[in-house]
Amino acid sequence: MAYVALSGLRNSFREWSPAVRNQSISSPNWKSRPWISDWDCLYGGFCGAQLVEGLTTLDGTERTLTADDIVISNSTVPIALAGVMGGLNSEITDSTTSIVFESAVFNRTSIRKTAQRYDLRSQASSRFEKGIDESNIITALDTAARMAAELGGGTVASGIATATSVSGAPTVIDITTDQINHVLGTDLDAVTVRGIFDRLGFGVTGDGDQMTVSVPARRWDIFIVPDLIEEVARIYGYDNLPATLPTATMTVGTLTPVQRRLRRNRTLLQGAGMDQAITYSLRGEDQANEFALENNATTKLAWPMTVDHQELRANMLTGLLDAVRYNAARKENDIALYEQGRVFIRANGQHRPDEHNYVAGVLSGNFANKEWNQKAQPVDFYTTKGIVAMLLDDYNLDTPVEYTTDELPSSMHPGQSAYIMLADQRVGLLGRLHPQYEADNNLPETFVFELNLEPLLAAGRADKIVAPAPKFPSMTRDVALLVDITTTSAAVEDVIRAHAGQYLRDVHLFDVYAGPKLPPATRSLAYTLTFRRDDDTLTEDTVEKAMAAVVDALETEVNAKIR
């Protein structure tokens, strides 16, 4: 009998030398395989990855091979599923006269997947999956040939045919005792650590606490510093490691200021009779920037699931209006919904959008239903503004918000809508949808509001001052004015507060009238002014002087006529 030893088949294309990778492999019983190419052997030695082949393994099962399988071939057909099981066509029988021993290292991941793919677990696959000692490949091959000669009376052919070489060189790792003690919490000296490495059969060089450890190839599982530290802990004894409680600052878990504010918003809006809704963050094409409060470069999905969900929203209202449309189509006409969430704002040239916290609401139908003791109260502009004002008052801003009708979007009613401004920054939108927009989108009469919470959360807060109940009575005066229809109530109130003196406590608008009995393009505004001194009783003369100053200022600054 002749024995031909074939070894060193490596599991990676990069380890085939240029002189070998394109050459056929030959030996007394191996013929050239001209179809071997650079990529055929990406995962192992003699691999027929480009062939569509079948193989009957030693267990008698016919298996159809895939391009991911590594095989051992005789240049014509596969004779073994490498690293897993041999083929039935290469089984040793009573008539066998020549045997080829093959010793190799295969890719452990590939072997594991092959064994799982065919549900074929063997001692070979188990060993290759876990890793083997590369330095003993030739030793194992020679040992097998020697045992065959001694025990079987065979004749060993001289020489070894190799496809590539495996160095089996040890892994060299630099480590210090300080690194070991820092991780393990121990106080081991260099002599103890060196003794542990000696017991493991690792070579150690270096002086003092600095050590260079040579890990033999048989311990392929050790290749970084933490692996060495784990071996020291294992040999030193886990029971000998010091046990201490972790040191940390104990803090009470609590919400951040932003989280508290967002929860407070929900509490206030639900207390105002609104229900929370959650809508999609993705919108249809050209819908994301409707009602937008900030300049935004639309962010589109590369692979949207549907055409209705392909852009990241830049406002909260479009989703809520879908909910209004859905409910109105089902005869649910009294609607009061709000949503608090994030929108996605991206500047031109910015790769990813920023996420901003927003809150928005929609109201339609009756805000209060008809009862035996009250009439139905339909939603109007002032209902919506009252909810927004209640929410903003709770922020206790040191700079009051202002309302402006400049540059309103075409989707909003020009006479019942306004932007909300904070220090010249647009932070909100309030009002009724334009009737044409409602008709085009199958919506009932709908009032909306939207607030950008980011500037509100960052704005300064005014101090809350607790004052005792007044000890002295207050006095009130009413004044009715005829003003141009373009004159705002806010402008009138500013004039009153500027000239009413130090004892003015409140200005309240209680009546607005515009009709045929008044001159064209005018309206009547009626206010109640409240005066009070906190240190003495207020006199009629003081109040009359204050009212006279207010009247003169109104006539001069806003062209008001006193009625």
Protein backbone atom coordinates (compact mmCIF):
# COMPACT_ATOMS: atom_id res chain seq x y z
CA MET A 1 0.00 0.00 0.00
CA ALA A 2 1.15 3.50 -0.73
CA TYR A 3 0.43 6.50 1.43
CA VAL A 4 0.55 9.98 0.00
CA ALA A 5 0.36 12.79 2.56
CA LEU A 6 -1.39 15.96 1.35
CA SER A 7 -1.54 18.85 3.80
CA GLY A 8 -1.78 22.56 4.39
CA LEU A 9 -4.99 23.37 2.52
CA ARG A 10 -5.84 26.81 3.88
CA ASN A 11 -9.28 28.34 4.41
CA SER A 12 -8.77 31.76 2.90
CA PHE A 13 -8.02 32.94 -0.63
CA ARG A 14 -5.61 35.60 0.59
CA GLU A 15 -3.26 32.89 1.94
CA TRP A 16 -2.77 31.24 -1.44
CA SER A 17 0.56 32.37 -2.78
CA PRO A 18 0.66 33.81 -6.33
CA ALA A 19 2.74 30.87 -7.45
CA VAL A 20 0.11 28.35 -6.37
CA ARG A 21 -3.31 29.91 -6.60
CA ASN A 22 -3.64 29.47 -10.39
CA GLN A 23 -1.78 26.15 -10.61
CA SER A 24 -3.27 22.71 -10.49
CA ILE A 25 -2.43 20.45 -7.57
CA SER A 26 -0.69 17.22 -8.48
CA SER A 27 0.55 14.07 -6.78
CA PRO A 28 0.83 10.40 -7.84
CA ASN A 29 -2.93 9.93 -7.54
CA TRP A 30 -4.15 13.52 -8.24
CA LYS A 31 -4.76 14.89 -11.68
CA SER A 32 -4.76 18.54 -12.67
CA ARG A 33 -7.94 20.50 -12.19
CA PRO A 34 -7.94 23.23 -14.87
CA TRP A 35 -11.22 24.74 -13.64
CA ILE A 36 -9.65 25.94 -10.34
CA SER A 37 -9.47 29.72 -10.38
CA ASP A 38 -8.77 32.54 -7.91
CA TRP A 39 -12.32 32.70 -6.69
CA ASP A 40 -13.07 28.98 -6.62
CA CYS A 41 -11.06 28.60 -3.44
CA LEU A 42 -12.24 31.63 -1.53
CA TYR A 43 -13.25 29.54 1.45
CA GLY A 44 -10.94 26.56 1.35
CA GLY A 45 -8.66 24.12 -0.39
CA PHE A 46 -10.02 22.14 -3.34
CA CYS A 47 -13.43 23.71 -3.71
CA GLY A 48 -15.86 23.32 -6.54
CA ALA A 49 -17.96 26.36 -5.67
CA GLN A 50 -18.79 27.01 -9.30
CA LEU A 51 -20.00 23.48 -9.95
CA VAL A 52 -23.56 22.31 -9.49
CA GLU A 53 -22.91 18.88 -8.05
CA GLY A 54 -24.32 16.17 -5.86
CA LEU A 55 -22.53 14.07 -3.27
CA THR A 56 -23.50 10.91 -1.44
CA THR A 57 -21.91 11.08 2.00
CA LEU A 58 -20.74 8.14 4.10
CA ASP A 59 -24.14 7.93 5.78
CA GLY A 60 -25.67 7.01 2.41
CA THR A 61 -27.59 10.26 1.94
CA GLU A 62 -27.56 12.01 -1.43
CA ARG A 63 -26.93 15.76 -0.94
CA THR A 64 -27.17 18.54 -3.50
CA LEU A 65 -24.25 20.89 -2.95
CA THR A 66 -24.43 24.67 -2.99
CA ALA A 67 -21.91 27.31 -3.98
CA ASP A 68 -21.10 27.91 -0.28
CA ASP A 69 -19.94 24.35 0.41
CA ILE A 70 -16.27 23.37 0.56
CA VAL A 71 -15.51 19.99 -1.04
CA ILE A 72 -12.51 17.72 -1.55
CA SER A 73 -12.32 16.61 -5.17
CA ASN A 74 -10.33 14.15 -7.28
CA SER A 75 -10.44 16.69 -10.13
CA THR A 76 -13.51 15.01 -11.60
CA VAL A 77 -16.12 14.64 -8.87
CA PRO A 78 -16.27 15.65 -5.19
CA ILE A 79 -15.23 12.90 -2.82
CA ALA A 80 -15.82 14.59 0.54
CA LEU A 81 -17.78 17.42 2.15
CA ALA A 82 -14.74 19.16 3.61
CA GLY A 83 -14.63 19.42 7.37
CA VAL A 84 -17.95 17.57 7.77
CA MET A 85 -18.05 14.05 6.26
CA GLY A 86 -16.41 12.02 3.52
CA GLY A 87 -18.12 10.81 0.40
CA LEU A 88 -19.36 7.28 -0.12
CA ASN A 89 -17.38 7.07 -3.36
CA SER A 90 -14.12 7.37 -1.40
CA GLU A 91 -15.05 4.86 1.30
CA ILE A 92 -12.30 2.38 2.24
CA THR A 93 -13.28 -1.17 1.32
CA ASP A 94 -11.55 -4.57 1.32
CA SER A 95 -10.27 -3.87 -2.20
CA THR A 96 -8.66 -0.52 -1.33
CA THR A 97 -4.91 -0.51 -2.04
CA SER A 98 -3.96 3.19 -1.98
CA ILE A 99 -5.00 5.86 0.46
CA VAL A 100 -4.41 9.62 0.43
CA PHE A 101 -4.33 11.36 3.82
CA GLU A 102 -5.49 14.98 3.73
CA SER A 103 -4.87 17.35 6.62
CA ALA A 104 -6.29 20.88 6.40
CA VAL A 105 -7.69 23.91 8.16
CA PHE A 106 -11.13 25.09 7.03
CA ASN A 107 -13.11 28.24 7.70
CA ARG A 108 -15.00 27.51 10.92
CA THR A 109 -18.00 29.66 9.97
CA SER A 110 -18.38 27.93 6.62
CA ILE A 111 -18.11 24.48 8.23
CA ARG A 112 -20.73 25.34 10.84
CA LYS A 113 -23.18 26.63 8.22
CA THR A 114 -22.64 23.56 6.04
CA ALA A 115 -23.30 21.22 8.97
CA GLN A 116 -26.45 23.17 9.85
CA ARG A 117 -27.61 23.30 6.21
CA TYR A 118 -27.57 19.52 5.89
CA ASP A 119 -28.36 18.78 9.54
CA LEU A 120 -25.15 16.76 9.55
CA ARG A 121 -23.22 16.92 12.79
CA SER A 122 -19.97 14.95 13.01
CA GLN A 123 -16.79 14.90 15.07
CA ALA A 124 -15.02 16.62 12.22
CA SER A 125 -17.51 19.50 12.00
CA SER A 126 -17.49 19.88 15.78
CA ARG A 127 -13.68 20.19 15.84
CA PHE A 128 -13.45 22.57 12.90
CA GLU A 129 -16.23 24.79 14.28
CA LYS A 130 -14.39 25.22 17.56
CA GLY A 131 -10.99 25.71 15.98
CA ILE A 132 -7.89 23.54 15.77
CA ASP A 133 -4.18 23.92 16.40
CA GLU A 134 -2.68 25.05 13.09
CA SER A 135 0.85 24.25 14.24
CA ASN A 136 0.06 20.53 14.41
CA ILE A 137 -1.27 20.06 10.88
CA ILE A 138 1.91 18.45 9.59
CA THR A 139 2.44 16.57 12.86
CA ALA A 140 -1.06 15.09 12.62
CA LEU A 141 -0.47 14.09 9.02
CA ASP A 142 2.85 12.41 9.81
CA THR A 143 1.35 10.66 12.84
CA ALA A 144 -1.49 9.24 10.77
CA ALA A 145 0.94 7.95 8.15
CA ARG A 146 3.22 6.45 10.82
CA MET A 147 0.33 4.67 12.57
CA ALA A 148 -0.90 3.30 9.23
CA ALA A 149 2.56 1.92 8.57
CA GLU A 150 3.02 0.45 12.05
CA LEU A 151 -0.47 -0.94 12.57
CA GLY A 152 -1.57 -1.66 8.98
CA GLY A 153 1.70 -2.72 7.44
CA GLY A 154 1.50 -0.12 4.74
CA THR A 155 4.24 1.70 2.90
CA VAL A 156 4.48 5.45 3.22
CA ALA A 157 5.23 7.33 0.06
CA SER A 158 7.85 10.01 0.41
CA GLY A 159 7.03 13.72 0.25
CA ILE A 160 4.02 15.89 1.00
CA ALA A 161 1.95 17.72 -1.62
CA THR A 162 0.87 21.12 -0.26
CA ALA A 163 -1.36 23.83 -1.70
CA THR A 164 -0.16 26.41 0.80
CA SER A 165 1.74 26.57 4.06
CA VAL A 166 0.53 27.27 7.59
CA SER A 167 3.10 28.86 9.85
CA GLY A 168 1.51 27.98 13.20
CA ALA A 169 3.44 30.88 14.69
CA PRO A 170 2.54 31.87 18.26
CA THR A 171 0.53 35.01 18.99
CA VAL A 172 2.54 37.70 20.74
CA ILE A 173 0.70 39.97 23.22
CA ASP A 174 2.13 42.76 25.40
CA ILE A 175 0.59 43.08 28.87
CA THR A 176 1.40 44.62 32.27
CA THR A 177 0.48 43.65 35.81
CA ASP A 178 -1.26 47.01 36.18
CA GLN A 179 -3.68 46.09 33.39
CA ILE A 180 -4.43 42.75 35.04
CA ASN A 181 -4.91 44.20 38.54
CA HIS A 182 -7.07 47.05 37.24
CA VAL A 183 -9.55 44.64 35.63
CA LEU A 184 -9.54 41.93 38.32
CA GLY A 185 -9.30 44.24 41.33
CA THR A 186 -6.31 42.26 42.60
CA ASP A 187 -2.80 43.13 43.74
CA LEU A 188 -0.84 40.44 41.91
CA ASP A 189 2.89 40.90 41.46
CA ALA A 190 4.91 40.09 38.35
CA VAL A 191 6.30 36.84 39.79
CA THR A 192 2.80 35.43 40.38
CA VAL A 193 1.58 36.43 36.93
CA ARG A 194 4.66 34.94 35.23
CA GLY A 195 4.12 31.71 37.15
CA ILE A 196 0.54 31.49 35.88
CA PHE A 197 1.68 31.97 32.29
CA ASP A 198 4.37 29.32 32.77
CA ARG A 199 1.77 26.85 34.03
CA LEU A 200 -0.26 27.53 30.89
CA GLY A 201 2.78 26.85 28.70
CA PHE A 202 3.01 30.41 27.45
CA GLY A 203 6.39 31.94 26.78
CA VAL A 204 7.08 35.12 28.77
CA THR A 205 9.80 37.70 28.19
CA GLY A 206 10.37 41.23 29.43
CA ASP A 207 11.49 42.92 32.62
CA GLY A 208 9.51 43.81 35.70
CA ASP A 209 5.80 44.47 35.29
CA GLN A 210 6.05 44.73 31.50
CA MET A 211 5.64 41.32 29.87
CA THR A 212 5.52 40.00 26.34
CA VAL A 213 3.53 36.76 26.24
CA SER A 214 3.92 34.25 23.41
CA VAL A 215 0.70 32.24 23.10
CA PRO A 216 1.14 28.93 21.20
CA ALA A 217 -1.07 28.19 18.22
CA ARG A 218 -2.89 25.47 20.14
CA ARG A 219 -4.60 28.26 22.10
CA TRP A 220 -6.10 29.95 19.07
CA ASP A 221 -8.83 31.41 21.32
CA ILE A 222 -6.34 33.84 22.90
CA PHE A 223 -5.29 36.82 20.80
CA ILE A 224 -5.97 40.03 22.80
CA VAL A 225 -5.16 41.37 26.28
CA PRO A 226 -8.59 40.61 27.81
CA ASP A 227 -8.14 36.95 26.82
CA LEU A 228 -4.89 36.79 28.84
CA ILE A 229 -6.55 38.51 31.82
CA GLU A 230 -9.31 35.92 31.71
CA GLU A 231 -6.74 33.12 31.80
CA VAL A 232 -5.02 34.72 34.81
CA ALA A 233 -8.37 34.94 36.63
CA ARG A 234 -9.18 31.32 35.80
CA ILE A 235 -5.86 29.93 37.05
CA TYR A 236 -5.61 32.28 40.02
CA GLY A 237 -9.11 31.21 41.08
CA TYR A 238 -12.36 33.10 40.85
CA ASP A 239 -12.95 32.54 44.56
CA ASN A 240 -9.73 34.40 45.31
CA LEU A 241 -10.81 37.56 43.50
CA PRO A 242 -11.82 40.36 45.91
CA ALA A 243 -15.55 41.04 46.16
CA THR A 244 -16.68 44.64 46.64
CA LEU A 245 -19.91 46.53 46.18
CA PRO A 246 -19.97 48.92 43.23
CA THR A 247 -19.47 52.55 44.16
CA ALA A 248 -21.86 54.98 42.56
CA THR A 249 -23.74 58.13 43.37
CA MET A 250 -27.27 57.27 44.38
CA THR A 251 -29.77 59.52 42.61
CA VAL A 252 -33.53 59.50 42.62
CA GLY A 253 -34.97 58.81 39.21
CA THR A 254 -37.00 61.74 37.96
CA LEU A 255 -38.20 63.39 34.79
CA THR A 256 -36.18 66.02 32.99
CA PRO A 257 -37.63 69.55 32.76
CA VAL A 258 -38.60 68.94 29.13
CA GLN A 259 -40.36 65.68 30.01
CA ARG A 260 -42.27 67.38 32.81
CA ARG A 261 -43.29 70.19 30.48
CA LEU A 262 -44.54 67.80 27.80
CA ARG A 263 -46.58 65.87 30.34
CA ARG A 264 -47.97 69.13 31.68
CA ASN A 265 -49.09 70.07 28.16
CA ARG A 266 -51.06 66.84 27.86
CA THR A 267 -52.68 67.39 31.24
CA LEU A 268 -53.79 70.92 30.33
CA LEU A 269 -55.15 70.02 26.91
CA GLN A 270 -57.03 67.01 28.21
CA GLY A 271 -58.40 69.18 31.00
CA ALA A 272 -59.68 71.57 28.31
CA GLY A 273 -61.76 68.75 26.86
CA MET A 274 -59.48 67.58 24.05
CA ASP A 275 -58.59 63.99 23.22
CA GLN A 276 -55.09 62.86 22.32
CA ALA A 277 -54.43 61.46 18.84
CA ILE A 278 -51.34 59.79 17.38
CA THR A 279 -50.85 60.09 13.63
CA TYR A 280 -48.24 58.95 11.13
CA SER A 281 -44.91 60.77 10.95
CA LEU A 282 -44.78 60.12 7.20
CA ARG A 283 -46.85 62.14 4.77
CA GLY A 284 -47.64 62.06 1.08
CA GLU A 285 -45.78 64.04 -1.52
CA ASP A 286 -46.00 67.85 -1.07
CA GLN A 287 -47.95 67.46 2.19
CA ALA A 288 -45.09 67.58 4.68
CA ASN A 289 -44.59 71.36 4.49
CA GLU A 290 -48.22 72.47 4.71
CA PHE A 291 -48.80 74.76 7.72
CA ALA A 292 -45.04 74.69 8.37
CA LEU A 293 -43.74 77.15 10.99
CA GLU A 294 -40.07 76.73 10.02
CA ASN A 295 -38.18 76.67 6.74
CA ASN A 296 -37.67 73.07 5.79
CA ALA A 297 -36.01 71.12 2.98
CA THR A 298 -38.23 68.09 2.50
CA THR A 299 -36.79 64.77 3.64
CA LYS A 300 -37.96 61.86 1.47
CA LEU A 301 -37.58 58.15 2.05
CA ALA A 302 -35.42 56.28 -0.41
CA TRP A 303 -37.81 53.31 -0.52
CA PRO A 304 -41.28 54.35 0.74
CA MET A 305 -43.83 51.62 1.39
CA THR A 306 -46.70 53.67 -0.08
CA VAL A 307 -47.06 56.98 -1.94
CA ASP A 308 -49.04 58.34 1.04
CA HIS A 309 -46.10 57.84 3.40
CA GLN A 310 -42.93 59.02 1.69
CA GLU A 311 -41.95 62.33 3.33
CA LEU A 312 -41.07 63.14 6.94
CA ARG A 313 -43.60 65.60 8.34
CA ALA A 314 -42.66 69.20 9.11
CA ASN A 315 -45.98 69.94 10.86
CA MET A 316 -48.54 68.16 13.01
CA LEU A 317 -51.75 69.50 11.47
CA THR A 318 -51.96 67.45 8.26
CA GLY A 319 -52.19 64.21 10.22
CA LEU A 320 -54.85 65.62 12.54
CA LEU A 321 -56.87 66.88 9.57
CA ASP A 322 -56.90 63.32 8.23
CA ALA A 323 -58.47 62.32 11.55
CA VAL A 324 -61.07 65.11 11.21
CA ARG A 325 -61.92 63.97 7.68
CA TYR A 326 -62.20 60.34 8.82
CA ASN A 327 -64.55 61.20 11.70
CA ALA A 328 -66.67 63.64 9.70
CA ALA A 329 -67.23 61.00 7.03
CA ARG A 330 -68.72 58.80 9.77
CA LYS A 331 -71.05 61.49 11.15
CA GLU A 332 -68.84 62.27 14.16
CA ASN A 333 -69.12 66.04 13.95
CA ASP A 334 -67.98 67.21 17.40
CA ILE A 335 -64.22 66.86 17.27
CA ALA A 336 -61.54 68.14 19.65
CA LEU A 337 -58.20 66.40 19.09
CA TYR A 338 -54.63 67.27 19.91
CA GLU A 339 -51.29 65.63 19.20
CA GLN A 340 -47.90 66.20 20.77
CA GLY A 341 -44.89 64.76 19.01
CA ARG A 342 -41.91 65.51 16.83
CA VAL A 343 -41.53 67.00 13.40
CA PHE A 344 -38.45 66.78 11.21
CA ILE A 345 -36.80 70.00 10.06
CA ARG A 346 -33.85 69.91 7.68
CA ALA A 347 -31.89 72.89 6.40
CA ASN A 348 -30.60 73.01 2.84
CA GLY A 349 -27.34 71.08 2.63
CA GLN A 350 -28.01 69.25 5.90
CA HIS A 351 -27.79 65.46 5.59
CA ARG A 352 -30.19 64.47 8.36
CA PRO A 353 -33.13 66.45 9.77
CA ASP A 354 -33.40 67.79 13.31
CA GLU A 355 -36.30 66.64 15.47
CA HIS A 356 -38.39 69.40 17.07
CA ASN A 357 -41.16 69.00 19.64
CA TYR A 358 -44.53 70.32 18.45
CA VAL A 359 -48.09 70.32 19.76
CA ALA A 360 -51.15 70.88 17.58
CA GLY A 361 -54.92 70.68 17.86
CA VAL A 362 -58.05 70.64 15.70
CA LEU A 363 -61.60 71.55 16.72
CA SER A 364 -64.84 71.24 14.79
CA GLY A 365 -68.57 71.15 15.58
CA ASN A 366 -69.73 71.96 19.10
CA PHE A 367 -67.29 72.45 21.93
CA ALA A 368 -70.14 72.07 24.46
CA ASN A 369 -73.32 70.17 23.63
CA LYS A 370 -76.84 71.42 24.19
CA GLU A 371 -78.20 70.70 27.67
CA TRP A 372 -81.44 71.57 29.46
CA ASN A 373 -79.75 74.55 31.10
CA GLN A 374 -77.50 75.76 28.25
CA LYS A 375 -77.35 76.13 24.52
CA ALA A 376 -74.86 74.33 22.32
CA GLN A 377 -71.57 76.20 22.07
CA PRO A 378 -70.05 75.87 18.59
CA VAL A 379 -66.31 76.12 18.21
CA ASP A 380 -65.07 79.51 17.03
CA PHE A 381 -61.83 81.45 16.81
CA TYR A 382 -62.00 82.59 20.41
CA THR A 383 -62.55 79.07 21.73
CA THR A 384 -59.38 77.99 19.96
CA LYS A 385 -57.45 81.07 21.05
CA GLY A 386 -58.58 80.56 24.64
CA ILE A 387 -57.11 77.04 24.69
CA VAL A 388 -53.82 78.31 23.24
CA ALA A 389 -53.69 81.24 25.67
CA MET A 390 -54.33 78.91 28.61
CA LEU A 391 -51.48 76.68 27.47
CA LEU A 392 -49.07 79.58 26.92
CA ASP A 393 -49.95 81.21 30.25
CA ASP A 394 -48.79 78.07 32.00
CA TYR A 395 -45.31 78.60 30.54
CA ASN A 396 -45.06 81.87 32.51
CA LEU A 397 -42.93 83.46 29.79
CA ASP A 398 -41.02 86.60 30.70
CA THR A 399 -41.72 87.95 27.19
CA PRO A 400 -45.40 87.93 26.20
CA VAL A 401 -46.40 86.45 22.87
CA GLU A 402 -47.87 88.57 20.11
CA TYR A 403 -50.26 87.81 17.26
CA THR A 404 -49.77 88.86 13.64
CA THR A 405 -51.68 88.29 10.42
CA ASP A 406 -48.73 88.91 8.10
CA GLU A 407 -47.98 86.31 5.40
CA LEU A 408 -50.63 83.80 6.44
CA PRO A 409 -50.69 80.62 4.32
CA SER A 410 -53.43 80.34 1.71
CA SER A 411 -54.91 77.40 3.59
CA MET A 412 -55.90 79.68 6.51
CA HIS A 413 -58.88 82.05 6.75
CA PRO A 414 -57.49 85.59 6.30
CA GLY A 415 -59.91 87.16 8.80
CA GLN A 416 -59.88 84.47 11.50
CA SER A 417 -56.25 83.41 11.68
CA ALA A 418 -52.94 84.64 13.05
CA TYR A 419 -49.34 83.65 13.60
CA ILE A 420 -48.07 83.53 17.19
CA MET A 421 -44.79 85.41 17.65
CA LEU A 422 -42.27 85.27 20.50
CA ALA A 423 -39.54 87.90 20.32
CA ASP A 424 -39.89 88.20 16.51
CA GLN A 425 -39.77 84.41 16.10
CA ARG A 426 -42.73 82.54 14.66
CA VAL A 427 -43.71 79.91 17.23
CA GLY A 428 -47.30 79.09 16.38
CA LEU A 429 -50.30 79.22 14.07
CA LEU A 430 -53.90 79.74 15.13
CA GLY A 431 -57.24 80.12 13.38
CA ARG A 432 -59.78 78.67 11.00
CA LEU A 433 -59.05 76.88 7.77
CA HIS A 434 -59.92 78.72 4.59
CA PRO A 435 -63.42 77.73 3.37
CA GLN A 436 -62.02 76.84 -0.06
CA TYR A 437 -59.39 74.59 1.56
CA GLU A 438 -62.14 72.92 3.62
CA ALA A 439 -64.22 72.32 0.50
CA ASP A 440 -61.28 70.95 -1.51
CA ASN A 441 -60.33 68.52 1.28
CA ASN A 442 -63.84 67.39 2.34
CA LEU A 443 -63.51 69.02 5.75
CA PRO A 444 -66.19 70.67 7.89
CA GLU A 445 -65.65 74.09 9.41
CA THR A 446 -62.43 73.46 11.31
CA PHE A 447 -60.28 75.51 13.67
CA VAL A 448 -56.65 74.61 14.25
CA PHE A 449 -53.62 75.56 16.30
CA GLU A 450 -49.98 74.51 16.19
CA LEU A 451 -47.06 75.44 18.47
CA ASN A 452 -43.33 74.93 18.04
CA LEU A 453 -42.30 73.97 21.58
CA GLU A 454 -38.54 74.33 21.07
CA PRO A 455 -38.37 78.16 21.48
CA LEU A 456 -41.00 78.03 24.22
CA LEU A 457 -38.97 75.51 26.20
CA ALA A 458 -35.82 77.60 25.79
CA ALA A 459 -37.43 80.96 26.57
CA GLY A 460 -36.92 82.71 29.90
CA ARG A 461 -39.45 82.36 32.69
CA ALA A 462 -40.92 85.20 34.72
CA ASP A 463 -40.83 85.05 38.50
CA LYS A 464 -44.08 84.05 40.13
CA ILE A 465 -44.90 86.48 42.90
CA VAL A 466 -47.42 85.53 45.53
CA ALA A 467 -49.40 88.58 46.72
CA PRO A 468 -51.85 88.71 49.62
CA ALA A 469 -55.53 89.32 49.01
CA PRO A 470 -56.26 93.07 48.60
CA LYS A 471 -57.27 94.88 51.79
CA PHE A 472 -58.82 97.87 50.05
CA PRO A 473 -61.71 97.97 47.55
CA SER A 474 -61.25 98.49 43.83
CA MET A 475 -63.08 100.83 41.50
CA THR A 476 -64.13 100.17 37.89
CA ARG A 477 -64.85 102.37 34.92
CA ASP A 478 -66.26 101.41 31.53
CA VAL A 479 -65.28 103.06 28.29
CA ALA A 480 -66.71 102.43 24.80
CA LEU A 481 -64.73 103.46 21.74
CA LEU A 482 -65.46 103.82 18.06
CA VAL A 483 -62.28 102.90 16.17
CA ASP A 484 -61.20 102.03 12.67
CA ILE A 485 -61.81 98.37 11.86
CA THR A 486 -58.08 97.87 11.26
CA THR A 487 -57.22 98.98 14.82
CA THR A 488 -56.50 95.95 16.98
CA SER A 489 -57.66 95.50 20.55
CA ALA A 490 -54.05 94.92 21.57
CA ALA A 491 -53.10 98.40 20.34
CA VAL A 492 -55.96 99.94 22.31
CA GLU A 493 -54.97 98.06 25.47
CA ASP A 494 -51.37 99.19 25.13
CA VAL A 495 -52.49 102.83 25.05
CA ILE A 496 -54.75 102.35 28.09
CA ARG A 497 -52.01 100.69 30.16
CA ALA A 498 -49.47 103.35 29.20
CA HIS A 499 -51.64 106.28 30.42
CA ALA A 500 -53.93 104.89 33.14
CA GLY A 501 -51.40 105.37 35.92
CA GLN A 502 -49.94 103.17 38.62
CA TYR A 503 -53.25 102.08 40.12
CA LEU A 504 -54.60 100.31 37.03
CA ARG A 505 -54.93 96.61 37.80
CA ASP A 506 -56.82 95.14 34.84
CA VAL A 507 -58.20 95.95 31.38
CA HIS A 508 -60.99 93.70 30.13
CA LEU A 509 -62.66 93.81 26.70
CA PHE A 510 -66.31 92.92 27.27
CA ASP A 511 -68.03 93.95 24.03
CA VAL A 512 -67.30 94.17 20.31
CA TYR A 513 -69.87 95.48 17.86
CA ALA A 514 -69.77 96.14 14.15
CA GLY A 515 -72.97 96.73 12.20
CA PRO A 516 -75.10 98.98 10.01
CA LYS A 517 -75.68 101.51 12.79
CA LEU A 518 -71.98 102.42 12.81
CA PRO A 519 -70.02 104.31 10.15
CA PRO A 520 -68.44 102.15 7.44
CA ALA A 521 -65.14 100.41 8.26
CA THR A 522 -65.50 101.03 11.99
CA ARG A 523 -66.36 99.01 15.06
CA SER A 524 -67.12 99.57 18.70
CA LEU A 525 -64.92 98.23 21.48
CA ALA A 526 -65.98 98.41 25.13
CA TYR A 527 -63.56 97.93 28.05
CA THR A 528 -63.77 97.67 31.80
CA LEU A 529 -60.85 99.27 33.65
CA THR A 530 -60.15 98.19 37.23
CA PHE A 531 -58.26 100.51 39.64
CA ARG A 532 -57.04 99.73 43.13
CA ARG A 533 -54.54 100.94 45.70
CA ASP A 534 -52.86 98.39 47.90
CA ASP A 535 -51.98 100.80 50.70
CA ASP A 536 -55.05 103.03 50.95
CA THR A 537 -58.58 103.57 49.74
CA LEU A 538 -58.74 104.91 46.21
CA THR A 539 -60.54 108.25 45.71
CA GLU A 540 -62.90 109.27 42.92
CA ASP A 541 -60.68 112.19 41.99
CA THR A 542 -57.67 109.92 41.35
CA VAL A 543 -59.71 107.60 39.14
CA GLU A 544 -61.28 110.45 37.17
CA LYS A 545 -57.87 111.97 36.46
CA ALA A 546 -56.61 108.58 35.23
CA MET A 547 -59.66 108.13 32.98
CA ALA A 548 -59.25 111.60 31.52
CA ALA A 549 -55.64 110.81 30.61
CA VAL A 550 -56.73 107.55 29.01
CA VAL A 551 -59.44 109.21 26.93
CA ASP A 552 -57.10 111.91 25.67
CA ALA A 553 -54.49 109.31 24.70
CA LEU A 554 -57.04 107.14 22.87
CA GLU A 555 -58.34 110.05 20.86
CA THR A 556 -54.82 111.14 19.95
CA GLU A 557 -52.96 107.86 19.37
CA VAL A 558 -55.59 105.54 17.84
CA ASN A 559 -58.12 108.16 16.59
CA ALA A 560 -60.81 106.72 18.86
CA LYS A 561 -64.17 108.41 19.44
CA ILE A 562 -65.62 108.02 22.91
CA ARG A 563 -69.23 106.84 22.78
